[in-house]
Amino acid sequence: MARDIHETANGVILSDPGILGGTPVFKGTRVPVKILFEYLADGLSLDYFLETFPSVKRDQAAAALRHGQTRIG
């Protein structure tokens, strides 16, 4: 049976039922994208997020933020 895998934000965000039950994560990691938005909403910096989750690259985080911006803008 094929898995329903989705990529968004130019392939930076992956949703795969086999990874955290399909929660959108940064591709190549198990870091949920929502964590980035939670950090920023709590007043924490992008640099702090990237230090905490070194598997996420700055360009991935920036692409996720741009993707979020286009979704609400």
PDB file of N, CA and C in Angstrom:
ATOM      1  N   MET A   1       0.846  -1.178   0.000  1.00  0.00           N
ATOM      2  CA  MET A   1       0.000   0.000   0.000  1.00  0.00           C
ATOM      3  C   MET A   1       0.890   1.239   0.000  1.00  0.00           C
ATOM      4  N   ALA A   2       0.607   2.190  -0.882  1.00  0.00           N
ATOM      5  CA  ALA A   2       1.396   3.411  -0.991  1.00  0.00           C
ATOM      6  C   ALA A   2       1.067   4.363   0.149  1.00  0.00           C
ATOM      7  N   ARG A   3       2.096   5.059   0.630  1.00  0.00           N
ATOM      8  CA  ARG A   3       1.884   6.063   1.668  1.00  0.00           C
ATOM      9  C   ARG A   3       1.534   7.389   1.010  1.00  0.00           C
ATOM     10  N   ASP A   4       0.729   8.172   1.683  1.00  0.00           N
ATOM     11  CA  ASP A   4       0.308   9.476   1.187  1.00  0.00           C
ATOM     12  C   ASP A   4       1.313  10.518   1.670  1.00  0.00           C
ATOM     13  N   ILE A   5       2.361  10.753   0.880  1.00  0.00           N
ATOM     14  CA  ILE A   5       3.445  11.665   1.241  1.00  0.00           C
ATOM     15  C   ILE A   5       3.257  12.979   0.492  1.00  0.00           C
ATOM     16  N   HIS A   6       3.362  14.096   1.216  1.00  0.00           N
ATOM     17  CA  HIS A   6       3.222  15.416   0.615  1.00  0.00           C
ATOM     18  C   HIS A   6       4.449  16.260   0.940  1.00  0.00           C
ATOM     19  N   GLU A   7       4.889  17.026  -0.059  1.00  0.00           N
ATOM     20  CA  GLU A   7       5.962  17.997   0.146  1.00  0.00           C
ATOM     21  C   GLU A   7       5.420  19.378  -0.197  1.00  0.00           C
ATOM     22  N   THR A   8       5.817  20.370   0.597  1.00  0.00           N
ATOM     23  CA  THR A   8       5.433  21.753   0.336  1.00  0.00           C
ATOM     24  C   THR A   8       6.644  22.653   0.536  1.00  0.00           C
ATOM     25  N   ALA A   9       6.442  23.935   0.280  1.00  0.00           N
ATOM     26  CA  ALA A   9       7.515  24.931   0.447  1.00  0.00           C
ATOM     27  C   ALA A   9       8.762  24.516  -0.316  1.00  0.00           C
ATOM     28  N   ASN A  10       8.563  24.223  -1.608  1.00  0.00           N
ATOM     29  CA  ASN A  10       9.679  23.805  -2.476  1.00  0.00           C
ATOM     30  C   ASN A  10      10.403  22.577  -1.935  1.00  0.00           C
ATOM     31  N   GLY A  11       9.656  21.655  -1.377  1.00  0.00           N
ATOM     32  CA  GLY A  11      10.238  20.415  -0.892  1.00  0.00           C
ATOM     33  C   GLY A  11      10.888  20.496   0.468  1.00  0.00           C
ATOM     34  N   VAL A  12      10.718  21.604   1.168  1.00  0.00           N
ATOM     35  CA  VAL A  12      11.350  21.785   2.481  1.00  0.00           C
ATOM     36  C   VAL A  12      10.520  21.141   3.590  1.00  0.00           C
ATOM     37  N   ILE A  13       9.214  21.112   3.418  1.00  0.00           N
ATOM     38  CA  ILE A  13       8.313  20.551   4.424  1.00  0.00           C
ATOM     39  C   ILE A  13       7.766  19.233   3.895  1.00  0.00           C
ATOM     40  N   LEU A  14       7.812  18.216   4.729  1.00  0.00           N
ATOM     41  CA  LEU A  14       7.369  16.885   4.352  1.00  0.00           C
ATOM     42  C   LEU A  14       6.293  16.406   5.321  1.00  0.00           C
ATOM     43  N   SER A  15       5.255  15.833   4.759  1.00  0.00           N
ATOM     44  CA  SER A  15       4.219  15.191   5.572  1.00  0.00           C
ATOM     45  C   SER A  15       4.128  13.748   5.114  1.00  0.00           C
ATOM     46  N   ASP A  16       4.534  12.830   5.983  1.00  0.00           N
ATOM     47  CA  ASP A  16       4.594  11.407   5.670  1.00  0.00           C
ATOM     48  C   ASP A  16       3.978  10.650   6.842  1.00  0.00           C
ATOM     49  N   PRO A  17       2.947   9.849   6.610  1.00  0.00           N
ATOM     50  CA  PRO A  17       2.322   9.110   7.719  1.00  0.00           C
ATOM     51  C   PRO A  17       3.310   8.251   8.506  1.00  0.00           C
ATOM     52  N   GLY A  18       4.433   7.911   7.899  1.00  0.00           N
ATOM     53  CA  GLY A  18       5.445   7.106   8.579  1.00  0.00           C
ATOM     54  C   GLY A  18       6.372   7.914   9.474  1.00  0.00           C
ATOM     55  N   ILE A  19       6.249   9.234   9.436  1.00  0.00           N
ATOM     56  CA  ILE A  19       7.085  10.109  10.264  1.00  0.00           C
ATOM     57  C   ILE A  19       6.167  10.947  11.144  1.00  0.00           C
ATOM     58  N   LEU A  20       6.212  10.698  12.429  1.00  0.00           N
ATOM     59  CA  LEU A  20       5.396  11.424  13.411  1.00  0.00           C
ATOM     60  C   LEU A  20       3.918  11.461  13.014  1.00  0.00           C
ATOM     61  N   GLY A  21       3.437  10.362  12.445  1.00  0.00           N
ATOM     62  CA  GLY A  21       2.019  10.243  12.107  1.00  0.00           C
ATOM     63  C   GLY A  21       1.538  11.226  11.058  1.00  0.00           C
ATOM     64  N   GLY A  22       2.444  11.729  10.229  1.00  0.00           N
ATOM     65  CA  GLY A  22       2.069  12.655   9.171  1.00  0.00           C
ATOM     66  C   GLY A  22       2.175  14.118   9.542  1.00  0.00           C
ATOM     67  N   THR A  23       2.640  14.416  10.755  1.00  0.00           N
ATOM     68  CA  THR A  23       2.864  15.807  11.160  1.00  0.00           C
ATOM     69  C   THR A  23       3.881  16.434  10.199  1.00  0.00           C
ATOM     70  N   PRO A  24       3.603  17.620   9.667  1.00  0.00           N
ATOM     71  CA  PRO A  24       4.583  18.257   8.781  1.00  0.00           C
ATOM     72  C   PRO A  24       5.904  18.521   9.510  1.00  0.00           C
ATOM     73  N   VAL A  25       6.987  18.032   8.911  1.00  0.00           N
ATOM     74  CA  VAL A  25       8.326  18.182   9.472  1.00  0.00           C
ATOM     75  C   VAL A  25       9.239  18.803   8.427  1.00  0.00           C
ATOM     76  N   PHE A  26      10.381  19.308   8.889  1.00  0.00           N
ATOM     77  CA  PHE A  26      11.407  19.745   7.957  1.00  0.00           C
ATOM     78  C   PHE A  26      11.988  18.498   7.306  1.00  0.00           C
ATOM     79  N   LYS A  27      12.006  18.482   5.979  1.00  0.00           N
ATOM     80  CA  LYS A  27      12.473  17.310   5.242  1.00  0.00           C
ATOM     81  C   LYS A  27      13.876  16.915   5.691  1.00  0.00           C
ATOM     82  N   GLY A  28      14.071  15.623   5.900  1.00  0.00           N
ATOM     83  CA  GLY A  28      15.359  15.107   6.338  1.00  0.00           C
ATOM     84  C   GLY A  28      15.537  15.133   7.845  1.00  0.00           C
ATOM     85  N   THR A  29      14.483  15.579   8.565  1.00  0.00           N
ATOM     86  CA  THR A  29      14.531  15.641  10.032  1.00  0.00           C
ATOM     87  C   THR A  29      13.235  15.058  10.590  1.00  0.00           C
ATOM     88  N   ARG A  30      13.157  15.026  11.885  1.00  0.00           N
ATOM     89  CA  ARG A  30      11.914  14.686  12.572  1.00  0.00           C
ATOM     90  C   ARG A  30      11.438  15.896  13.389  1.00  0.00           C
ATOM     91  N   VAL A  31      11.831  17.082  12.967  1.00  0.00           N
ATOM     92  CA  VAL A  31      11.489  18.320  13.662  1.00  0.00           C
ATOM     93  C   VAL A  31      10.196  18.875  13.057  1.00  0.00           C
ATOM     94  N   PRO A  32       9.112  18.909  13.845  1.00  0.00           N
ATOM     95  CA  PRO A  32       7.861  19.463  13.335  1.00  0.00           C
ATOM     96  C   PRO A  32       7.997  20.954  13.019  1.00  0.00           C
ATOM     97  N   VAL A  33       7.441  21.358  11.892  1.00  0.00           N
ATOM     98  CA  VAL A  33       7.492  22.760  11.475  1.00  0.00           C
ATOM     99  C   VAL A  33       6.790  23.653  12.491  1.00  0.00           C
ATOM    100  N   LYS A  34       5.733  23.135  13.120  1.00  0.00           N
ATOM    101  CA  LYS A  34       4.983  23.963  14.075  1.00  0.00           C
ATOM    102  C   LYS A  34       5.863  24.421  15.232  1.00  0.00           C
ATOM    103  N   ILE A  35       6.926  23.679  15.534  1.00  0.00           N
ATOM    104  CA  ILE A  35       7.830  24.073  16.619  1.00  0.00           C
ATOM    105  C   ILE A  35       8.485  25.418  16.300  1.00  0.00           C
ATOM    106  N   LEU A  36       8.856  25.622  15.030  1.00  0.00           N
ATOM    107  CA  LEU A  36       9.448  26.905  14.632  1.00  0.00           C
ATOM    108  C   LEU A  36       8.480  28.043  14.945  1.00  0.00           C
ATOM    109  N   PHE A  37       7.226  27.894  14.555  1.00  0.00           N
ATOM    110  CA  PHE A  37       6.244  28.947  14.793  1.00  0.00           C
ATOM    111  C   PHE A  37       5.976  29.134  16.285  1.00  0.00           C
ATOM    112  N   GLU A  38       5.998  28.050  17.048  1.00  0.00           N
ATOM    113  CA  GLU A  38       5.807  28.157  18.504  1.00  0.00           C
ATOM    114  C   GLU A  38       6.965  28.926  19.143  1.00  0.00           C
ATOM    115  N   TYR A  39       8.188  28.629  18.721  1.00  0.00           N
ATOM    116  CA  TYR A  39       9.348  29.348  19.258  1.00  0.00           C
ATOM    117  C   TYR A  39       9.212  30.842  18.983  1.00  0.00           C
ATOM    118  N   LEU A  40       8.908  31.183  17.740  1.00  0.00           N
ATOM    119  CA  LEU A  40       8.803  32.592  17.376  1.00  0.00           C
ATOM    120  C   LEU A  40       7.642  33.264  18.106  1.00  0.00           C
ATOM    121  N   ALA A  41       6.518  32.575  18.241  1.00  0.00           N
ATOM    122  CA  ALA A  41       5.356  33.136  18.948  1.00  0.00           C
ATOM    123  C   ALA A  41       5.674  33.375  20.420  1.00  0.00           C
ATOM    124  N   ASP A  42       6.566  32.560  20.973  1.00  0.00           N
ATOM    125  CA  ASP A  42       6.963  32.718  22.378  1.00  0.00           C
ATOM    126  C   ASP A  42       8.061  33.764  22.561  1.00  0.00           C
ATOM    127  N   GLY A  43       8.440  34.431  21.470  1.00  0.00           N
ATOM    128  CA  GLY A  43       9.446  35.486  21.562  1.00  0.00           C
ATOM    129  C   GLY A  43      10.871  34.997  21.442  1.00  0.00           C
ATOM    130  N   LEU A  44      11.054  33.731  21.118  1.00  0.00           N
ATOM    131  CA  LEU A  44      12.401  33.198  20.942  1.00  0.00           C
ATOM    132  C   LEU A  44      12.871  33.505  19.531  1.00  0.00           C
ATOM    133  N   SER A  45      14.153  33.566  19.342  1.00  0.00           N
ATOM    134  CA  SER A  45      14.698  33.970  18.047  1.00  0.00           C
ATOM    135  C   SER A  45      14.859  32.781  17.103  1.00  0.00           C
ATOM    136  N   LEU A  46      14.943  33.111  15.831  1.00  0.00           N
ATOM    137  CA  LEU A  46      15.223  32.094  14.823  1.00  0.00           C
ATOM    138  C   LEU A  46      16.580  31.453  15.103  1.00  0.00           C
ATOM    139  N   ASP A  47      17.561  32.258  15.491  1.00  0.00           N
ATOM    140  CA  ASP A  47      18.878  31.709  15.810  1.00  0.00           C
ATOM    141  C   ASP A  47      18.804  30.693  16.938  1.00  0.00           C
ATOM    142  N   TYR A  48      18.004  30.988  17.963  1.00  0.00           N
ATOM    143  CA  TYR A  48      17.861  30.046  19.079  1.00  0.00           C
ATOM    144  C   TYR A  48      17.219  28.741  18.592  1.00  0.00           C
ATOM    145  N   PHE A  49      16.203  28.852  17.747  1.00  0.00           N
ATOM    146  CA  PHE A  49      15.570  27.652  17.182  1.00  0.00           C
ATOM    147  C   PHE A  49      16.611  26.822  16.431  1.00  0.00           C
ATOM    148  N   LEU A  50      17.397  27.476  15.591  1.00  0.00           N
ATOM    149  CA  LEU A  50      18.397  26.760  14.796  1.00  0.00           C
ATOM    150  C   LEU A  50      19.491  26.142  15.668  1.00  0.00           C
ATOM    151  N   GLU A  51      19.835  26.796  16.765  1.00  0.00           N
ATOM    152  CA  GLU A  51      20.804  26.212  17.704  1.00  0.00           C
ATOM    153  C   GLU A  51      20.215  24.992  18.396  1.00  0.00           C
ATOM    154  N   THR A  52      18.924  25.060  18.713  1.00  0.00           N
ATOM    155  CA  THR A  52      18.256  23.976  19.425  1.00  0.00           C
ATOM    156  C   THR A  52      18.033  22.770  18.507  1.00  0.00           C
ATOM    157  N   PHE A  53      17.778  23.035  17.233  1.00  0.00           N
ATOM    158  CA  PHE A  53      17.515  21.973  16.257  1.00  0.00           C
ATOM    159  C   PHE A  53      18.520  22.096  15.107  1.00  0.00           C
ATOM    160  N   PRO A  54      19.762  21.682  15.329  1.00  0.00           N
ATOM    161  CA  PRO A  54      20.810  21.875  14.326  1.00  0.00           C
ATOM    162  C   PRO A  54      20.583  21.095  13.028  1.00  0.00           C
ATOM    163  N   SER A  55      19.669  20.134  13.032  1.00  0.00           N
ATOM    164  CA  SER A  55      19.386  19.406  11.797  1.00  0.00           C
ATOM    165  C   SER A  55      18.575  20.247  10.819  1.00  0.00           C
ATOM    166  N   VAL A  56      17.971  21.333  11.309  1.00  0.00           N
ATOM    167  CA  VAL A  56      17.224  22.247  10.446  1.00  0.00           C
ATOM    168  C   VAL A  56      18.178  23.350   9.999  1.00  0.00           C
ATOM    169  N   LYS A  57      18.250  23.558   8.714  1.00  0.00           N
ATOM    170  CA  LYS A  57      19.128  24.597   8.159  1.00  0.00           C
ATOM    171  C   LYS A  57      18.367  25.917   8.037  1.00  0.00           C
ATOM    172  N   ARG A  58      19.107  27.005   8.060  1.00  0.00           N
ATOM    173  CA  ARG A  58      18.503  28.338   7.996  1.00  0.00           C
ATOM    174  C   ARG A  58      17.619  28.494   6.756  1.00  0.00           C
ATOM    175  N   ASP A  59      18.081  27.997   5.611  1.00  0.00           N
ATOM    176  CA  ASP A  59      17.275  28.145   4.397  1.00  0.00           C
ATOM    177  C   ASP A  59      15.973  27.356   4.479  1.00  0.00           C
ATOM    178  N   GLN A  60      15.984  26.221   5.191  1.00  0.00           N
ATOM    179  CA  GLN A  60      14.753  25.470   5.395  1.00  0.00           C
ATOM    180  C   GLN A  60      13.765  26.266   6.251  1.00  0.00           C
ATOM    181  N   ALA A  61      14.266  26.844   7.329  1.00  0.00           N
ATOM    182  CA  ALA A  61      13.404  27.634   8.213  1.00  0.00           C
ATOM    183  C   ALA A  61      12.846  28.840   7.473  1.00  0.00           C
ATOM    184  N   ALA A  62      13.687  29.511   6.695  1.00  0.00           N
ATOM    185  CA  ALA A  62      13.236  30.679   5.937  1.00  0.00           C
ATOM    186  C   ALA A  62      12.167  30.284   4.926  1.00  0.00           C
ATOM    187  N   ALA A  63      12.347  29.160   4.256  1.00  0.00           N
ATOM    188  CA  ALA A  63      11.350  28.698   3.286  1.00  0.00           C
ATOM    189  C   ALA A  63      10.026  28.365   3.978  1.00  0.00           C
ATOM    190  N   ALA A  64      10.095  27.766   5.149  1.00  0.00           N
ATOM    191  CA  ALA A  64       8.881  27.457   5.901  1.00  0.00           C
ATOM    192  C   ALA A  64       8.154  28.725   6.319  1.00  0.00           C
ATOM    193  N   LEU A  65       8.912  29.724   6.734  1.00  0.00           N
ATOM    194  CA  LEU A  65       8.302  31.009   7.130  1.00  0.00           C
ATOM    195  C   LEU A  65       7.662  31.694   5.918  1.00  0.00           C
ATOM    196  N   ARG A  66       8.349  31.672   4.784  1.00  0.00           N
ATOM    197  CA  ARG A  66       7.768  32.259   3.574  1.00  0.00           C
ATOM    198  C   ARG A  66       6.499  31.513   3.161  1.00  0.00           C
ATOM    199  N   HIS A  67       6.524  30.201   3.262  1.00  0.00           N
ATOM    200  CA  HIS A  67       5.359  29.386   2.941  1.00  0.00           C
ATOM    201  C   HIS A  67       4.194  29.753   3.861  1.00  0.00           C
ATOM    202  N   GLY A  68       4.463  29.884   5.130  1.00  0.00           N
ATOM    203  CA  GLY A  68       3.418  30.287   6.090  1.00  0.00           C
ATOM    204  C   GLY A  68       2.873  31.655   5.779  1.00  0.00           C
ATOM    205  N   GLN A  69       3.751  32.560   5.396  1.00  0.00           N
ATOM    206  CA  GLN A  69       3.341  33.917   5.056  1.00  0.00           C
ATOM    207  C   GLN A  69       2.398  33.922   3.857  1.00  0.00           C
ATOM    208  N   THR A  70       2.700  33.134   2.842  1.00  0.00           N
ATOM    209  CA  THR A  70       1.837  33.092   1.659  1.00  0.00           C
ATOM    210  C   THR A  70       0.505  32.443   1.974  1.00  0.00           C
ATOM    211  N   ARG A  71       0.487  31.534   2.942  1.00  0.00           N
ATOM    212  CA  ARG A  71      -0.768  30.867   3.315  1.00  0.00           C
ATOM    213  C   ARG A  71      -1.721  31.793   4.034  1.00  0.00           C
ATOM    214  N   ILE A  72      -1.188  32.786   4.765  1.00  0.00           N
ATOM    215  CA  ILE A  72      -2.064  33.678   5.516  1.00  0.00           C
ATOM    216  C   ILE A  72      -2.216  35.039   4.843  1.00  0.00           C
ATOM    217  N   GLY A  73      -1.358  35.331   3.865  1.00  0.00           N
ATOM    218  CA  GLY A  73      -1.355  36.645   3.226  1.00  0.00           C
ATOM    219  C   GLY A  73      -2.166  36.662   2.024  1.00  0.00           C
TER     220      GLY A  73
END
